[in-house]
Amino acid sequence: MTQTARHSVMMIAAGMTALALAAAATAQPAENNARRAKGYPEKPIRLVVPVSAGGGTDIVARFIGQRLTDTLGQQVVVDNRTGAGGSIGAGIVATSSPDGYTLLLGSVGHITFTPALFRKLPYDPQKDFVPISLVAEQPFVLAAHPSLRANSIKDLIAFAKSRPGKVNYGSGGNGGASHLGIELLQIMTGISMIHVPYKGTGPGMTALLSGEVPMLLVGVATALPHIKNGKVKALAVSGQKRSQVLPEVPTISEAGVPGYDFDVWYGVLFPAGTPSAVVGKMNAELVRLLNSPATAKRFASLGLEPISSTPQEFAALIRREIPKWQKVVKSAGIKPN
């Protein structure tokens, strides 16, 4: 063999070795990823809830935590970490080890409202989390006192336009769902109403029932008993589809504001960097339990509807909603904290 031929053979051999090493290096993380998922979980999992115990979010978390405990064979421990509009609890998860043993049960408020409501957050909702799946949505209804001279969304828009800056609406507090949902309606219709915030949904509902405020955007479960007994009237529901418990009430979009869409959603997220195979396994477990009759029954008792998604669908929802609510908060004149 000539020197040139020997050199060519050596070069080919070296190239093949390099390719083999590169392939091995590429395969190693994938193998590690699959191995982690196969044995996962090997210890208890912490489910951080950024609100206090006893509320709707906490009840959802405890139900899901118990179901996951049953199916995964490891304890899922609910850890309530409150404060700063949920950003404290969310921040704890964002900075946790991405090993699959810390979860966040977040909502629209903690993930897509907070970037508009706070100047500095301890996390970036899009960069510091890996969405796993949506788990529930809470339909809202625009409930009105019987004295309000409007029986539909079209009536309300006409009524408010004839009295700019003179029609009041209540909410459970500045920057909350019941506030921002109405602000979105005002942006999309060009009406201008006066916001009257209360210290929570309970006081807001009391004000509506007494006629102190003529309308309130509120969770269907909260308003339903009062709608049934005629103490308030339902003008429309806020989501993309009609509520299962108020099927005769149209959506705001159907009733004259095309494209209006607002539900309070809940979802489960991991810290960024969690292995994709672990994310996939947790997604499969969540989708399975969310599709069960027991979950549908339990959520219905809370005024919620189970909803599942892929991680990609959940991530796309977050991307869409952050700029949407930034626009709403700015339009409402709310100053970030």
C-alpha atoms as a PDB file:
ATOM      1  CA  MET A   1       0.000   0.000   0.000  1.00  0.00           C
ATOM      2  CA  THR A   2       1.343   3.386  -0.949  1.00  0.00           C
ATOM      3  CA  GLN A   3       1.826   6.137   1.592  1.00  0.00           C
ATOM      4  CA  THR A   4      -1.049   8.083  -0.005  1.00  0.00           C
ATOM      5  CA  ALA A   5      -3.391   5.092   0.213  1.00  0.00           C
ATOM      6  CA  ARG A   6      -2.377   4.455   3.834  1.00  0.00           C
ATOM      7  CA  HIS A   7      -3.091   8.111   4.618  1.00  0.00           C
ATOM      8  CA  SER A   8      -6.550   7.874   2.992  1.00  0.00           C
ATOM      9  CA  VAL A   9      -7.423   4.736   4.963  1.00  0.00           C
ATOM     10  CA  MET A  10      -6.327   6.395   8.201  1.00  0.00           C
ATOM     11  CA  MET A  11      -8.407   9.474   7.424  1.00  0.00           C
ATOM     12  CA  ILE A  12     -11.485   7.346   6.690  1.00  0.00           C
ATOM     13  CA  ALA A  13     -10.961   5.353   9.883  1.00  0.00           C
ATOM     14  CA  ALA A  14     -10.564   8.541  11.900  1.00  0.00           C
ATOM     15  CA  GLY A  15     -13.731   9.932  10.374  1.00  0.00           C
ATOM     16  CA  MET A  16     -15.682   6.808  11.173  1.00  0.00           C
ATOM     17  CA  THR A  17     -14.414   6.863  14.750  1.00  0.00           C
ATOM     18  CA  ALA A  18     -15.449  10.487  15.120  1.00  0.00           C
ATOM     19  CA  LEU A  19     -18.908   9.701  13.768  1.00  0.00           C
ATOM     20  CA  ALA A  20     -19.267   6.766  16.140  1.00  0.00           C
ATOM     21  CA  LEU A  21     -18.217   8.923  19.105  1.00  0.00           C
ATOM     22  CA  ALA A  22     -20.639  11.656  18.072  1.00  0.00           C
ATOM     23  CA  ALA A  23     -23.463   9.150  17.737  1.00  0.00           C
ATOM     24  CA  ALA A  24     -22.641   7.707  21.152  1.00  0.00           C
ATOM     25  CA  ALA A  25     -22.581  11.182  22.673  1.00  0.00           C
ATOM     26  CA  THR A  26     -25.962  11.961  21.123  1.00  0.00           C
ATOM     27  CA  ALA A  27     -27.466   8.685  22.223  1.00  0.00           C
ATOM     28  CA  GLN A  28     -26.223   8.991  25.825  1.00  0.00           C
ATOM     29  CA  PRO A  29     -28.554  11.847  26.909  1.00  0.00           C
ATOM     30  CA  ALA A  30     -31.499  10.140  25.195  1.00  0.00           C
ATOM     31  CA  GLU A  31     -30.725   6.872  26.984  1.00  0.00           C
ATOM     32  CA  ASN A  32     -30.354   8.691  30.316  1.00  0.00           C
ATOM     33  CA  ASN A  33     -33.618  10.516  29.662  1.00  0.00           C
ATOM     34  CA  ALA A  34     -35.483   7.256  28.960  1.00  0.00           C
ATOM     35  CA  ARG A  35     -33.888   5.571  31.981  1.00  0.00           C
ATOM     36  CA  ARG A  36     -35.026   8.387  34.283  1.00  0.00           C
ATOM     37  CA  ALA A  37     -38.579   8.142  33.004  1.00  0.00           C
ATOM     38  CA  LYS A  38     -38.658   4.347  33.330  1.00  0.00           C
ATOM     39  CA  GLY A  39     -37.902   4.453  37.050  1.00  0.00           C
ATOM     40  CA  TYR A  40     -39.779   7.678  37.725  1.00  0.00           C
ATOM     41  CA  PRO A  41     -40.902   8.482  40.340  1.00  0.00           C
ATOM     42  CA  GLU A  42     -38.597   6.986  42.936  1.00  0.00           C
ATOM     43  CA  LYS A  43     -39.477   9.331  45.806  1.00  0.00           C
ATOM     44  CA  PRO A  44     -42.290  11.690  46.901  1.00  0.00           C
ATOM     45  CA  ILE A  45     -43.247  14.584  44.616  1.00  0.00           C
ATOM     46  CA  ARG A  46     -43.995  18.110  45.861  1.00  0.00           C
ATOM     47  CA  LEU A  47     -46.970  19.893  44.277  1.00  0.00           C
ATOM     48  CA  VAL A  48     -46.655  23.607  45.016  1.00  0.00           C
ATOM     49  CA  VAL A  49     -49.922  25.561  45.157  1.00  0.00           C
ATOM     50  CA  PRO A  50     -49.400  29.357  45.179  1.00  0.00           C
ATOM     51  CA  VAL A  51     -52.616  30.065  47.122  1.00  0.00           C
ATOM     52  CA  SER A  52     -53.854  29.328  50.628  1.00  0.00           C
ATOM     53  CA  ALA A  53     -55.483  26.052  51.640  1.00  0.00           C
ATOM     54  CA  GLY A  54     -59.218  25.627  51.234  1.00  0.00           C
ATOM     55  CA  GLY A  55     -59.903  27.539  48.010  1.00  0.00           C
ATOM     56  CA  GLY A  56     -60.807  26.148  44.606  1.00  0.00           C
ATOM     57  CA  THR A  57     -57.207  25.950  43.368  1.00  0.00           C
ATOM     58  CA  ASP A  58     -56.158  24.104  46.514  1.00  0.00           C
ATOM     59  CA  ILE A  59     -59.069  21.655  46.240  1.00  0.00           C
ATOM     60  CA  VAL A  60     -58.119  20.893  42.632  1.00  0.00           C
ATOM     61  CA  ALA A  61     -54.498  20.365  43.685  1.00  0.00           C
ATOM     62  CA  ARG A  62     -55.401  17.967  46.496  1.00  0.00           C
ATOM     63  CA  PHE A  63     -57.690  15.939  44.259  1.00  0.00           C
ATOM     64  CA  ILE A  64     -55.032  15.651  41.550  1.00  0.00           C
ATOM     65  CA  GLY A  65     -52.317  14.989  44.128  1.00  0.00           C
ATOM     66  CA  GLN A  66     -54.245  12.088  45.631  1.00  0.00           C
ATOM     67  CA  ARG A  67     -55.033  10.582  42.226  1.00  0.00           C
ATOM     68  CA  LEU A  68     -51.390  10.816  41.141  1.00  0.00           C
ATOM     69  CA  THR A  69     -50.331   9.239  44.434  1.00  0.00           C
ATOM     70  CA  ASP A  70     -52.599   6.292  43.676  1.00  0.00           C
ATOM     71  CA  THR A  71     -51.360   5.799  40.111  1.00  0.00           C
ATOM     72  CA  LEU A  72     -47.648   6.641  40.482  1.00  0.00           C
ATOM     73  CA  GLY A  73     -47.064   4.750  43.715  1.00  0.00           C
ATOM     74  CA  GLN A  74     -45.316   7.698  45.369  1.00  0.00           C
ATOM     75  CA  GLN A  75     -46.789  10.330  47.664  1.00  0.00           C
ATOM     76  CA  VAL A  76     -47.652  13.661  46.010  1.00  0.00           C
ATOM     77  CA  VAL A  77     -47.464  16.256  48.787  1.00  0.00           C
ATOM     78  CA  VAL A  78     -49.393  19.525  48.385  1.00  0.00           C
ATOM     79  CA  ASP A  79     -47.341  22.512  49.554  1.00  0.00           C
ATOM     80  CA  ASN A  80     -49.232  25.834  49.849  1.00  0.00           C
ATOM     81  CA  ARG A  81     -46.901  28.811  49.298  1.00  0.00           C
ATOM     82  CA  THR A  82     -48.888  32.042  49.216  1.00  0.00           C
ATOM     83  CA  GLY A  83     -48.150  35.699  48.534  1.00  0.00           C
ATOM     84  CA  ALA A  84     -47.572  38.323  45.842  1.00  0.00           C
ATOM     85  CA  GLY A  85     -50.382  37.194  43.570  1.00  0.00           C
ATOM     86  CA  GLY A  86     -49.041  33.651  43.473  1.00  0.00           C
ATOM     87  CA  SER A  87     -45.569  34.698  42.336  1.00  0.00           C
ATOM     88  CA  ILE A  88     -43.871  33.436  45.509  1.00  0.00           C
ATOM     89  CA  GLY A  89     -45.045  29.858  45.014  1.00  0.00           C
ATOM     90  CA  ALA A  90     -44.409  29.964  41.281  1.00  0.00           C
ATOM     91  CA  GLY A  91     -40.926  31.355  41.923  1.00  0.00           C
ATOM     92  CA  ILE A  92     -40.109  28.458  44.249  1.00  0.00           C
ATOM     93  CA  VAL A  93     -40.903  25.961  41.501  1.00  0.00           C
ATOM     94  CA  ALA A  94     -39.049  27.954  38.831  1.00  0.00           C
ATOM     95  CA  THR A  95     -35.824  27.749  40.863  1.00  0.00           C
ATOM     96  CA  SER A  96     -36.228  24.121  41.968  1.00  0.00           C
ATOM     97  CA  SER A  97     -34.132  21.260  40.659  1.00  0.00           C
ATOM     98  CA  PRO A  98     -35.511  20.116  37.261  1.00  0.00           C
ATOM     99  CA  ASP A  99     -35.602  16.483  38.292  1.00  0.00           C
ATOM    100  CA  GLY A 100     -39.358  15.845  38.085  1.00  0.00           C
ATOM    101  CA  TYR A 101     -39.972  16.048  41.831  1.00  0.00           C
ATOM    102  CA  THR A 102     -41.384  19.572  42.054  1.00  0.00           C
ATOM    103  CA  LEU A 103     -44.621  20.571  40.311  1.00  0.00           C
ATOM    104  CA  LEU A 104     -46.617  23.786  40.151  1.00  0.00           C
ATOM    105  CA  LEU A 105     -50.388  23.944  39.961  1.00  0.00           C
ATOM    106  CA  GLY A 106     -50.715  27.360  38.353  1.00  0.00           C
ATOM    107  CA  SER A 107     -53.611  29.325  36.949  1.00  0.00           C
ATOM    108  CA  VAL A 108     -54.154  32.067  34.401  1.00  0.00           C
ATOM    109  CA  GLY A 109     -53.490  34.574  37.192  1.00  0.00           C
ATOM    110  CA  HIS A 110     -50.120  33.148  38.250  1.00  0.00           C
ATOM    111  CA  ILE A 111     -48.789  32.560  34.742  1.00  0.00           C
ATOM    112  CA  THR A 112     -50.295  35.106  32.344  1.00  0.00           C
ATOM    113  CA  PHE A 113     -51.623  37.962  34.559  1.00  0.00           C
ATOM    114  CA  THR A 114     -48.511  38.398  36.721  1.00  0.00           C
ATOM    115  CA  PRO A 115     -46.114  39.594  33.974  1.00  0.00           C
ATOM    116  CA  ALA A 116     -48.436  42.570  33.453  1.00  0.00           C
ATOM    117  CA  LEU A 117     -49.220  43.171  37.139  1.00  0.00           C
ATOM    118  CA  PHE A 118     -45.680  43.028  38.574  1.00  0.00           C
ATOM    119  CA  ARG A 119     -42.609  44.965  37.429  1.00  0.00           C
ATOM    120  CA  LYS A 120     -40.222  42.286  38.672  1.00  0.00           C
ATOM    121  CA  LEU A 121     -41.057  38.623  38.942  1.00  0.00           C
ATOM    122  CA  PRO A 122     -38.777  35.913  40.383  1.00  0.00           C
ATOM    123  CA  TYR A 123     -39.442  33.898  37.217  1.00  0.00           C
ATOM    124  CA  ASP A 124     -40.152  34.162  33.510  1.00  0.00           C
ATOM    125  CA  PRO A 125     -43.419  32.308  32.776  1.00  0.00           C
ATOM    126  CA  GLN A 126     -42.209  31.212  29.338  1.00  0.00           C
ATOM    127  CA  LYS A 127     -38.553  30.443  30.049  1.00  0.00           C
ATOM    128  CA  ASP A 128     -38.552  29.041  33.581  1.00  0.00           C
ATOM    129  CA  PHE A 129     -41.276  26.404  33.289  1.00  0.00           C
ATOM    130  CA  VAL A 130     -42.106  23.368  31.187  1.00  0.00           C
ATOM    131  CA  PRO A 131     -45.895  23.142  30.767  1.00  0.00           C
ATOM    132  CA  ILE A 132     -47.209  19.596  31.252  1.00  0.00           C
ATOM    133  CA  SER A 133     -50.974  19.810  30.808  1.00  0.00           C
ATOM    134  CA  LEU A 134     -53.981  21.970  31.467  1.00  0.00           C
ATOM    135  CA  VAL A 135     -56.197  20.313  34.074  1.00  0.00           C
ATOM    136  CA  ALA A 136     -59.358  22.408  34.474  1.00  0.00           C
ATOM    137  CA  GLU A 137     -61.188  25.524  33.425  1.00  0.00           C
ATOM    138  CA  GLN A 138     -63.696  27.597  35.341  1.00  0.00           C
ATOM    139  CA  PRO A 139     -66.353  29.240  33.193  1.00  0.00           C
ATOM    140  CA  PHE A 140     -67.410  32.727  34.253  1.00  0.00           C
ATOM    141  CA  VAL A 141     -70.811  34.311  33.776  1.00  0.00           C
ATOM    142  CA  LEU A 142     -71.689  37.980  33.434  1.00  0.00           C
ATOM    143  CA  ALA A 143     -74.366  38.165  36.121  1.00  0.00           C
ATOM    144  CA  ALA A 144     -76.644  41.189  36.439  1.00  0.00           C
ATOM    145  CA  HIS A 145     -79.052  42.503  39.055  1.00  0.00           C
ATOM    146  CA  PRO A 146     -82.696  42.282  37.854  1.00  0.00           C
ATOM    147  CA  SER A 147     -82.900  46.090  37.958  1.00  0.00           C
ATOM    148  CA  LEU A 148     -80.295  46.474  35.184  1.00  0.00           C
ATOM    149  CA  ARG A 149     -82.003  47.583  31.992  1.00  0.00           C
ATOM    150  CA  ALA A 150     -80.227  44.987  29.892  1.00  0.00           C
ATOM    151  CA  ASN A 151     -81.099  41.344  29.290  1.00  0.00           C
ATOM    152  CA  SER A 152     -78.361  40.485  26.812  1.00  0.00           C
ATOM    153  CA  ILE A 153     -74.835  41.505  25.872  1.00  0.00           C
ATOM    154  CA  LYS A 154     -76.162  43.607  22.988  1.00  0.00           C
ATOM    155  CA  ASP A 155     -78.519  45.386  25.406  1.00  0.00           C
ATOM    156  CA  LEU A 156     -75.638  45.999  27.816  1.00  0.00           C
ATOM    157  CA  ILE A 157     -73.371  47.433  25.117  1.00  0.00           C
ATOM    158  CA  ALA A 158     -76.108  49.792  23.901  1.00  0.00           C
ATOM    159  CA  PHE A 159     -76.985  50.787  27.477  1.00  0.00           C
ATOM    160  CA  ALA A 160     -73.340  51.483  28.421  1.00  0.00           C
ATOM    161  CA  LYS A 161     -72.662  53.415  25.212  1.00  0.00           C
ATOM    162  CA  SER A 162     -75.611  55.681  25.933  1.00  0.00           C
ATOM    163  CA  ARG A 163     -74.169  56.417  29.410  1.00  0.00           C
ATOM    164  CA  PRO A 164     -70.375  56.496  29.038  1.00  0.00           C
ATOM    165  CA  GLY A 165     -68.585  56.466  32.370  1.00  0.00           C
ATOM    166  CA  LYS A 166     -71.830  56.167  34.347  1.00  0.00           C
ATOM    167  CA  VAL A 167     -72.513  52.406  34.521  1.00  0.00           C
ATOM    168  CA  ASN A 168     -70.796  50.535  37.352  1.00  0.00           C
ATOM    169  CA  TYR A 169     -69.553  46.970  37.565  1.00  0.00           C
ATOM    170  CA  GLY A 170     -68.186  45.094  40.560  1.00  0.00           C
ATOM    171  CA  SER A 171     -65.193  42.772  40.905  1.00  0.00           C
ATOM    172  CA  GLY A 172     -63.402  40.696  43.488  1.00  0.00           C
ATOM    173  CA  GLY A 173     -60.444  43.098  43.451  1.00  0.00           C
ATOM    174  CA  ASN A 174     -58.031  45.035  41.263  1.00  0.00           C
ATOM    175  CA  GLY A 175     -56.186  42.902  38.740  1.00  0.00           C
ATOM    176  CA  GLY A 176     -58.240  39.786  39.394  1.00  0.00           C
ATOM    177  CA  ALA A 177     -60.131  37.674  36.899  1.00  0.00           C
ATOM    178  CA  SER A 178     -63.487  39.391  37.487  1.00  0.00           C
ATOM    179  CA  HIS A 179     -61.832  42.762  36.855  1.00  0.00           C
ATOM    180  CA  LEU A 180     -59.692  41.967  33.823  1.00  0.00           C
ATOM    181  CA  GLY A 181     -62.450  39.972  32.135  1.00  0.00           C
ATOM    182  CA  ILE A 182     -64.675  43.068  32.059  1.00  0.00           C
ATOM    183  CA  GLU A 183     -61.776  45.266  30.963  1.00  0.00           C
ATOM    184  CA  LEU A 184     -61.275  42.924  28.009  1.00  0.00           C
ATOM    185  CA  LEU A 185     -64.967  43.320  27.169  1.00  0.00           C
ATOM    186  CA  GLN A 186     -64.628  47.115  27.265  1.00  0.00           C
ATOM    187  CA  ILE A 187     -61.614  47.055  24.942  1.00  0.00           C
ATOM    188  CA  MET A 188     -63.422  44.865  22.426  1.00  0.00           C
ATOM    189  CA  THR A 189     -66.685  46.851  22.437  1.00  0.00           C
ATOM    190  CA  GLY A 190     -65.545  50.413  23.048  1.00  0.00           C
ATOM    191  CA  ILE A 191     -67.743  50.871  26.129  1.00  0.00           C
ATOM    192  CA  SER A 192     -66.538  52.688  29.248  1.00  0.00           C
ATOM    193  CA  MET A 193     -67.804  51.609  32.664  1.00  0.00           C
ATOM    194  CA  ILE A 194     -66.765  52.357  36.266  1.00  0.00           C
ATOM    195  CA  HIS A 195     -64.925  49.645  38.171  1.00  0.00           C
ATOM    196  CA  VAL A 196     -65.961  49.069  41.807  1.00  0.00           C
ATOM    197  CA  PRO A 197     -63.512  46.614  43.416  1.00  0.00           C
ATOM    198  CA  TYR A 198     -64.392  44.577  46.509  1.00  0.00           C
ATOM    199  CA  LYS A 199     -62.194  42.557  48.828  1.00  0.00           C
ATOM    200  CA  GLY A 200     -62.957  39.194  47.302  1.00  0.00           C
ATOM    201  CA  THR A 201     -65.645  37.464  45.294  1.00  0.00           C
ATOM    202  CA  GLY A 202     -67.899  36.988  48.339  1.00  0.00           C
ATOM    203  CA  PRO A 203     -68.295  40.715  49.071  1.00  0.00           C
ATOM    204  CA  GLY A 204     -68.653  41.392  45.329  1.00  0.00           C
ATOM    205  CA  MET A 205     -71.496  38.870  45.090  1.00  0.00           C
ATOM    206  CA  THR A 206     -73.185  40.393  48.139  1.00  0.00           C
ATOM    207  CA  ALA A 207     -73.011  43.800  46.485  1.00  0.00           C
ATOM    208  CA  LEU A 208     -74.584  42.423  43.315  1.00  0.00           C
ATOM    209  CA  LEU A 209     -77.409  40.713  45.191  1.00  0.00           C
ATOM    210  CA  SER A 210     -78.233  43.929  47.045  1.00  0.00           C
ATOM    211  CA  GLY A 211     -78.162  46.015  43.872  1.00  0.00           C
ATOM    212  CA  GLU A 212     -75.166  48.034  45.081  1.00  0.00           C
ATOM    213  CA  VAL A 213     -73.546  47.207  41.734  1.00  0.00           C
ATOM    214  CA  PRO A 214     -75.560  46.189  38.668  1.00  0.00           C
ATOM    215  CA  MET A 215     -73.243  43.493  37.315  1.00  0.00           C
ATOM    216  CA  LEU A 216     -70.371  41.182  38.184  1.00  0.00           C
ATOM    217  CA  LEU A 217     -68.288  38.734  36.148  1.00  0.00           C
ATOM    218  CA  VAL A 218     -68.079  35.729  38.431  1.00  0.00           C
ATOM    219  CA  GLY A 219     -67.497  31.980  38.433  1.00  0.00           C
ATOM    220  CA  VAL A 220     -70.546  30.028  37.278  1.00  0.00           C
ATOM    221  CA  ALA A 221     -70.551  27.918  40.455  1.00  0.00           C
ATOM    222  CA  THR A 222     -70.795  31.046  42.626  1.00  0.00           C
ATOM    223  CA  ALA A 223     -73.605  32.636  40.647  1.00  0.00           C
ATOM    224  CA  LEU A 224     -75.605  29.514  39.775  1.00  0.00           C
ATOM    225  CA  PRO A 225     -77.806  29.286  42.919  1.00  0.00           C
ATOM    226  CA  HIS A 226     -78.741  32.966  42.588  1.00  0.00           C
ATOM    227  CA  ILE A 227     -79.462  32.594  38.857  1.00  0.00           C
ATOM    228  CA  LYS A 228     -81.748  29.649  39.561  1.00  0.00           C
ATOM    229  CA  ASN A 229     -83.734  31.501  42.222  1.00  0.00           C
ATOM    230  CA  GLY A 230     -84.053  34.625  40.074  1.00  0.00           C
ATOM    231  CA  LYS A 231     -82.034  36.954  42.282  1.00  0.00           C
ATOM    232  CA  VAL A 232     -79.624  37.670  39.403  1.00  0.00           C
ATOM    233  CA  LYS A 233     -79.873  37.164  35.658  1.00  0.00           C
ATOM    234  CA  ALA A 234     -77.226  35.616  33.421  1.00  0.00           C
ATOM    235  CA  LEU A 235     -76.384  37.770  30.400  1.00  0.00           C
ATOM    236  CA  ALA A 236     -73.688  35.504  28.915  1.00  0.00           C
ATOM    237  CA  VAL A 237     -70.829  33.159  29.790  1.00  0.00           C
ATOM    238  CA  SER A 238     -67.266  34.158  29.089  1.00  0.00           C
ATOM    239  CA  GLY A 239     -65.567  31.151  27.477  1.00  0.00           C
ATOM    240  CA  GLN A 240     -65.337  29.712  23.986  1.00  0.00           C
ATOM    241  CA  LYS A 241     -68.173  27.294  24.654  1.00  0.00           C
ATOM    242  CA  ARG A 242     -71.356  27.306  26.693  1.00  0.00           C
ATOM    243  CA  SER A 243     -71.305  26.121  30.283  1.00  0.00           C
ATOM    244  CA  GLN A 244     -72.494  22.585  30.936  1.00  0.00           C
ATOM    245  CA  VAL A 245     -74.655  23.839  33.817  1.00  0.00           C
ATOM    246  CA  LEU A 246     -76.038  26.870  31.926  1.00  0.00           C
ATOM    247  CA  PRO A 247     -76.480  25.476  28.416  1.00  0.00           C
ATOM    248  CA  GLU A 248     -79.224  27.965  27.563  1.00  0.00           C
ATOM    249  CA  VAL A 249     -76.969  30.978  28.219  1.00  0.00           C
ATOM    250  CA  PRO A 250     -74.943  32.089  25.168  1.00  0.00           C
ATOM    251  CA  THR A 251     -71.259  32.911  25.197  1.00  0.00           C
ATOM    252  CA  ILE A 252     -70.250  36.572  25.014  1.00  0.00           C
ATOM    253  CA  SER A 253     -68.783  35.804  21.592  1.00  0.00           C
ATOM    254  CA  GLU A 254     -72.062  34.313  20.374  1.00  0.00           C
ATOM    255  CA  ALA A 255     -74.065  37.152  21.877  1.00  0.00           C
ATOM    256  CA  GLY A 256     -72.441  39.972  19.952  1.00  0.00           C
ATOM    257  CA  VAL A 257     -68.710  40.225  20.682  1.00  0.00           C
ATOM    258  CA  PRO A 258     -67.025  37.823  18.216  1.00  0.00           C
ATOM    259  CA  GLY A 259     -63.663  36.560  19.428  1.00  0.00           C
ATOM    260  CA  TYR A 260     -64.222  37.286  23.111  1.00  0.00           C
ATOM    261  CA  ASP A 261     -62.816  34.390  25.127  1.00  0.00           C
ATOM    262  CA  PHE A 262     -62.023  34.253  28.813  1.00  0.00           C
ATOM    263  CA  ASP A 263     -61.981  31.329  31.216  1.00  0.00           C
ATOM    264  CA  VAL A 264     -59.924  30.862  34.333  1.00  0.00           C
ATOM    265  CA  TRP A 265     -57.734  27.853  33.602  1.00  0.00           C
ATOM    266  CA  TYR A 266     -55.527  25.694  35.799  1.00  0.00           C
ATOM    267  CA  GLY A 267     -52.490  23.746  34.657  1.00  0.00           C
ATOM    268  CA  VAL A 268     -49.508  21.762  35.928  1.00  0.00           C
ATOM    269  CA  LEU A 269     -45.917  22.752  35.157  1.00  0.00           C
ATOM    270  CA  PHE A 270     -42.363  21.539  35.869  1.00  0.00           C
ATOM    271  CA  PRO A 271     -39.252  23.710  36.233  1.00  0.00           C
ATOM    272  CA  ALA A 272     -37.472  24.328  32.921  1.00  0.00           C
ATOM    273  CA  GLY A 273     -34.908  21.655  32.089  1.00  0.00           C
ATOM    274  CA  THR A 274     -36.964  18.708  33.356  1.00  0.00           C
ATOM    275  CA  PRO A 275     -36.220  15.672  31.121  1.00  0.00           C
ATOM    276  CA  SER A 276     -38.680  15.397  28.260  1.00  0.00           C
ATOM    277  CA  ALA A 277     -39.411  11.725  28.978  1.00  0.00           C
ATOM    278  CA  VAL A 278     -40.420  12.638  32.545  1.00  0.00           C
ATOM    279  CA  VAL A 279     -42.646  15.414  31.196  1.00  0.00           C
ATOM    280  CA  GLY A 280     -44.220  12.924  28.797  1.00  0.00           C
ATOM    281  CA  LYS A 281     -44.867  10.379  31.531  1.00  0.00           C
ATOM    282  CA  MET A 282     -46.494  12.965  33.806  1.00  0.00           C
ATOM    283  CA  ASN A 283     -48.580  14.274  30.913  1.00  0.00           C
ATOM    284  CA  ALA A 284     -49.864  10.753  30.212  1.00  0.00           C
ATOM    285  CA  GLU A 285     -50.813  10.259  33.876  1.00  0.00           C
ATOM    286  CA  LEU A 286     -52.638  13.590  34.023  1.00  0.00           C
ATOM    287  CA  VAL A 287     -54.533  13.018  30.779  1.00  0.00           C
ATOM    288  CA  ARG A 288     -55.621   9.601  32.037  1.00  0.00           C
ATOM    289  CA  LEU A 289     -56.995  10.907  35.325  1.00  0.00           C
ATOM    290  CA  LEU A 290     -58.624  13.970  33.698  1.00  0.00           C
ATOM    291  CA  ASN A 291     -60.578  11.724  31.342  1.00  0.00           C
ATOM    292  CA  SER A 292     -62.029   9.654  34.183  1.00  0.00           C
ATOM    293  CA  PRO A 293     -65.716   9.916  35.263  1.00  0.00           C
ATOM    294  CA  ALA A 294     -64.597  10.440  38.884  1.00  0.00           C
ATOM    295  CA  THR A 295     -62.701  13.590  37.886  1.00  0.00           C
ATOM    296  CA  ALA A 296     -65.627  14.941  35.870  1.00  0.00           C
ATOM    297  CA  LYS A 297     -67.966  14.383  38.833  1.00  0.00           C
ATOM    298  CA  ARG A 298     -65.629  16.001  41.364  1.00  0.00           C
ATOM    299  CA  PHE A 299     -64.850  18.999  39.179  1.00  0.00           C
ATOM    300  CA  ALA A 300     -68.532  19.544  38.366  1.00  0.00           C
ATOM    301  CA  SER A 301     -69.225  19.858  42.102  1.00  0.00           C
ATOM    302  CA  LEU A 302     -66.690  22.731  42.144  1.00  0.00           C
ATOM    303  CA  GLY A 303     -68.066  24.467  39.064  1.00  0.00           C
ATOM    304  CA  LEU A 304     -65.065  23.331  37.030  1.00  0.00           C
ATOM    305  CA  GLU A 305     -64.687  21.399  33.818  1.00  0.00           C
ATOM    306  CA  PRO A 306     -61.741  18.991  33.295  1.00  0.00           C
ATOM    307  CA  ILE A 307     -59.546  19.834  30.337  1.00  0.00           C
ATOM    308  CA  SER A 308     -56.299  18.224  29.227  1.00  0.00           C
ATOM    309  CA  SER A 309     -53.691  19.226  26.667  1.00  0.00           C
ATOM    310  CA  THR A 310     -50.296  18.377  25.273  1.00  0.00           C
ATOM    311  CA  PRO A 311     -47.315  20.299  26.669  1.00  0.00           C
ATOM    312  CA  GLN A 312     -47.058  22.090  23.317  1.00  0.00           C
ATOM    313  CA  GLU A 313     -50.709  23.194  23.386  1.00  0.00           C
ATOM    314  CA  PHE A 314     -50.333  24.495  26.932  1.00  0.00           C
ATOM    315  CA  ALA A 315     -47.147  26.402  26.002  1.00  0.00           C
ATOM    316  CA  ALA A 316     -48.914  27.968  23.004  1.00  0.00           C
ATOM    317  CA  LEU A 317     -51.763  29.136  25.257  1.00  0.00           C
ATOM    318  CA  ILE A 318     -49.281  30.874  27.569  1.00  0.00           C
ATOM    319  CA  ARG A 319     -47.572  32.561  24.609  1.00  0.00           C
ATOM    320  CA  ARG A 320     -50.919  33.888  23.340  1.00  0.00           C
ATOM    321  CA  GLU A 321     -52.237  35.075  26.657  1.00  0.00           C
ATOM    322  CA  ILE A 322     -49.291  37.028  28.078  1.00  0.00           C
ATOM    323  CA  PRO A 323     -49.455  39.873  25.494  1.00  0.00           C
ATOM    324  CA  LYS A 324     -53.263  39.751  25.578  1.00  0.00           C
ATOM    325  CA  TRP A 325     -53.401  40.507  29.307  1.00  0.00           C
ATOM    326  CA  GLN A 326     -50.565  43.017  29.126  1.00  0.00           C
ATOM    327  CA  LYS A 327     -52.735  45.009  26.728  1.00  0.00           C
ATOM    328  CA  VAL A 328     -55.764  44.696  29.013  1.00  0.00           C
ATOM    329  CA  VAL A 329     -53.857  45.784  32.129  1.00  0.00           C
ATOM    330  CA  LYS A 330     -52.368  48.775  30.323  1.00  0.00           C
ATOM    331  CA  SER A 331     -55.753  49.802  28.954  1.00  0.00           C
ATOM    332  CA  ALA A 332     -57.304  49.542  32.417  1.00  0.00           C
ATOM    333  CA  GLY A 333     -54.676  51.936  33.801  1.00  0.00           C
ATOM    334  CA  ILE A 334     -53.462  49.421  36.381  1.00  0.00           C
ATOM    335  CA  LYS A 335     -49.992  50.335  37.615  1.00  0.00           C
ATOM    336  CA  PRO A 336     -47.694  47.299  38.007  1.00  0.00           C
ATOM    337  CA  ASN A 337     -46.495  46.631  41.561  1.00  0.00           C
END
